[in-house]
Amino acid sequence: MIAEPGDTVGDRVADILVVDHHAQNRRLLVQQLRRLGEFEVREAATGDDAIAAARAARPDVIFIHVGVRPGTSGWAATRRIRQVDGGDAV
């Protein structure tokens, strides 16, 4: 299934988390997603921030730079996010 602008998950708009340690990369992707339509788009700069954000709001989609640094890598953050309740559906 491909998400379309304005798609809802139940009674809410799809929630997207963008994770990259390069602010300009995050900004570019966030701008493009917002142009596409009505998504709830949040950002994180580190793997640890991504884990915390996923626990707090359980995004539907995560775009994560696997080489994100410092701290927890994108690969490790993805593994930990998938272990969070409901994370296996991301």
C-alpha atoms as a PDB file:
ATOM      1  CA  MET A   1       0.000   0.000   0.000  1.00  0.00           C
ATOM      2  CA  ILE A   2       1.255   3.465  -0.865  1.00  0.00           C
ATOM      3  CA  ALA A   3       0.385   6.404   1.395  1.00  0.00           C
ATOM      4  CA  GLU A   4      -1.331   9.240  -0.399  1.00  0.00           C
ATOM      5  CA  PRO A   5      -1.611  12.850   0.802  1.00  0.00           C
ATOM      6  CA  GLY A   6      -4.402  13.219   3.306  1.00  0.00           C
ATOM      7  CA  ASP A   7      -4.534   9.470   3.993  1.00  0.00           C
ATOM      8  CA  THR A   8      -5.749   8.691   7.431  1.00  0.00           C
ATOM      9  CA  VAL A   9      -4.940   5.920   9.839  1.00  0.00           C
ATOM     10  CA  GLY A  10      -8.235   5.298  11.546  1.00  0.00           C
ATOM     11  CA  ASP A  11      -9.451   8.786  12.370  1.00  0.00           C
ATOM     12  CA  ARG A  12      -6.103  10.569  12.157  1.00  0.00           C
ATOM     13  CA  VAL A  13      -3.640  11.760   9.513  1.00  0.00           C
ATOM     14  CA  ALA A  14      -0.632   9.506   8.833  1.00  0.00           C
ATOM     15  CA  ASP A  15       2.320  10.270  11.153  1.00  0.00           C
ATOM     16  CA  ILE A  16       5.833  10.363   9.631  1.00  0.00           C
ATOM     17  CA  LEU A  17       9.147  10.605  11.499  1.00  0.00           C
ATOM     18  CA  VAL A  18      12.224  11.897   9.631  1.00  0.00           C
ATOM     19  CA  VAL A  19      15.595  11.075  11.223  1.00  0.00           C
ATOM     20  CA  ASP A  20      18.942  12.458  10.042  1.00  0.00           C
ATOM     21  CA  HIS A  21      21.856  14.150  11.777  1.00  0.00           C
ATOM     22  CA  HIS A  22      22.172  16.565   8.841  1.00  0.00           C
ATOM     23  CA  ALA A  23      19.621  19.315   9.471  1.00  0.00           C
ATOM     24  CA  GLN A  24      19.502  20.325   5.804  1.00  0.00           C
ATOM     25  CA  ASN A  25      18.609  16.752   4.757  1.00  0.00           C
ATOM     26  CA  ARG A  26      15.813  16.607   7.331  1.00  0.00           C
ATOM     27  CA  ARG A  27      14.538  20.007   6.261  1.00  0.00           C
ATOM     28  CA  LEU A  28      14.470  19.031   2.567  1.00  0.00           C
ATOM     29  CA  LEU A  29      12.546  15.804   3.165  1.00  0.00           C
ATOM     30  CA  VAL A  30      10.131  17.464   5.593  1.00  0.00           C
ATOM     31  CA  GLN A  31       9.432  20.242   3.062  1.00  0.00           C
ATOM     32  CA  GLN A  32       8.772  17.711   0.301  1.00  0.00           C
ATOM     33  CA  LEU A  33       6.441  15.659   2.485  1.00  0.00           C
ATOM     34  CA  ARG A  34       4.483  18.738   3.553  1.00  0.00           C
ATOM     35  CA  ARG A  35       4.094  19.783  -0.082  1.00  0.00           C
ATOM     36  CA  LEU A  36       2.629  16.389  -0.875  1.00  0.00           C
ATOM     37  CA  GLY A  37      -0.210  16.761   1.545  1.00  0.00           C
ATOM     38  CA  GLU A  38      -1.481  16.522   5.032  1.00  0.00           C
ATOM     39  CA  PHE A  39       0.874  14.301   6.964  1.00  0.00           C
ATOM     40  CA  GLU A  40       1.925  14.820  10.568  1.00  0.00           C
ATOM     41  CA  VAL A  41       5.698  15.138  10.061  1.00  0.00           C
ATOM     42  CA  ARG A  42       8.092  15.124  13.009  1.00  0.00           C
ATOM     43  CA  GLU A  43      11.888  15.233  13.101  1.00  0.00           C
ATOM     44  CA  ALA A  44      14.713  13.688  15.104  1.00  0.00           C
ATOM     45  CA  ALA A  45      18.438  14.379  14.811  1.00  0.00           C
ATOM     46  CA  THR A  46      19.847  11.238  16.481  1.00  0.00           C
ATOM     47  CA  GLY A  47      19.035   7.567  16.834  1.00  0.00           C
ATOM     48  CA  ASP A  48      18.297   8.091  20.519  1.00  0.00           C
ATOM     49  CA  ASP A  49      15.903  10.945  19.679  1.00  0.00           C
ATOM     50  CA  ALA A  50      14.219   8.693  17.097  1.00  0.00           C
ATOM     51  CA  ILE A  51      13.658   5.957  19.683  1.00  0.00           C
ATOM     52  CA  ALA A  52      12.163   8.464  22.127  1.00  0.00           C
ATOM     53  CA  ALA A  53       9.934   9.992  19.417  1.00  0.00           C
ATOM     54  CA  ALA A  54       8.730   6.555  18.288  1.00  0.00           C
ATOM     55  CA  ARG A  55       7.866   5.612  21.866  1.00  0.00           C
ATOM     56  CA  ALA A  56       6.013   8.894  22.399  1.00  0.00           C
ATOM     57  CA  ALA A  57       3.926   8.980  19.227  1.00  0.00           C
ATOM     58  CA  ARG A  58       4.253   5.659  17.342  1.00  0.00           C
ATOM     59  CA  PRO A  59       4.748   6.926  13.778  1.00  0.00           C
ATOM     60  CA  ASP A  60       3.259   5.093  10.810  1.00  0.00           C
ATOM     61  CA  VAL A  61       6.375   5.639   8.657  1.00  0.00           C
ATOM     62  CA  ILE A  62       9.987   6.399   9.569  1.00  0.00           C
ATOM     63  CA  PHE A  63      12.615   7.720   7.171  1.00  0.00           C
ATOM     64  CA  ILE A  64      15.894   7.098   8.994  1.00  0.00           C
ATOM     65  CA  HIS A  65      19.451   7.682   7.842  1.00  0.00           C
ATOM     66  CA  VAL A  66      21.157   4.424   8.787  1.00  0.00           C
ATOM     67  CA  GLY A  67      24.433   6.268   9.380  1.00  0.00           C
ATOM     68  CA  VAL A  68      22.898   8.778  11.783  1.00  0.00           C
ATOM     69  CA  ARG A  69      25.263   9.814  14.564  1.00  0.00           C
ATOM     70  CA  PRO A  70      26.317  10.544  17.262  1.00  0.00           C
ATOM     71  CA  GLY A  71      25.116   7.850  19.625  1.00  0.00           C
ATOM     72  CA  THR A  72      22.833   5.062  18.503  1.00  0.00           C
ATOM     73  CA  SER A  73      23.141   4.288  14.776  1.00  0.00           C
ATOM     74  CA  GLY A  74      20.163   4.248  12.452  1.00  0.00           C
ATOM     75  CA  TRP A  75      20.372   0.445  12.217  1.00  0.00           C
ATOM     76  CA  ALA A  76      20.390   0.023  15.987  1.00  0.00           C
ATOM     77  CA  ALA A  77      17.627   2.609  16.446  1.00  0.00           C
ATOM     78  CA  THR A  78      15.470   0.784  13.886  1.00  0.00           C
ATOM     79  CA  ARG A  79      15.944  -2.524  15.725  1.00  0.00           C
ATOM     80  CA  ARG A  80      15.006  -0.910  19.045  1.00  0.00           C
ATOM     81  CA  ILE A  81      12.000   0.911  17.566  1.00  0.00           C
ATOM     82  CA  ARG A  82      10.709  -2.388  16.173  1.00  0.00           C
ATOM     83  CA  GLN A  83      10.864  -3.840  19.715  1.00  0.00           C
ATOM     84  CA  VAL A  84       8.625  -1.053  21.098  1.00  0.00           C
ATOM     85  CA  ASP A  85       4.965  -1.999  21.517  1.00  0.00           C
ATOM     86  CA  GLY A  86       3.477  -1.534  18.024  1.00  0.00           C
ATOM     87  CA  GLY A  87       6.906  -0.892  16.478  1.00  0.00           C
ATOM     88  CA  ASP A  88       6.873  -4.049  14.401  1.00  0.00           C
ATOM     89  CA  ALA A  89       4.224  -2.421  12.198  1.00  0.00           C
ATOM     90  CA  VAL A  90       6.463   0.528  11.258  1.00  0.00           C
END
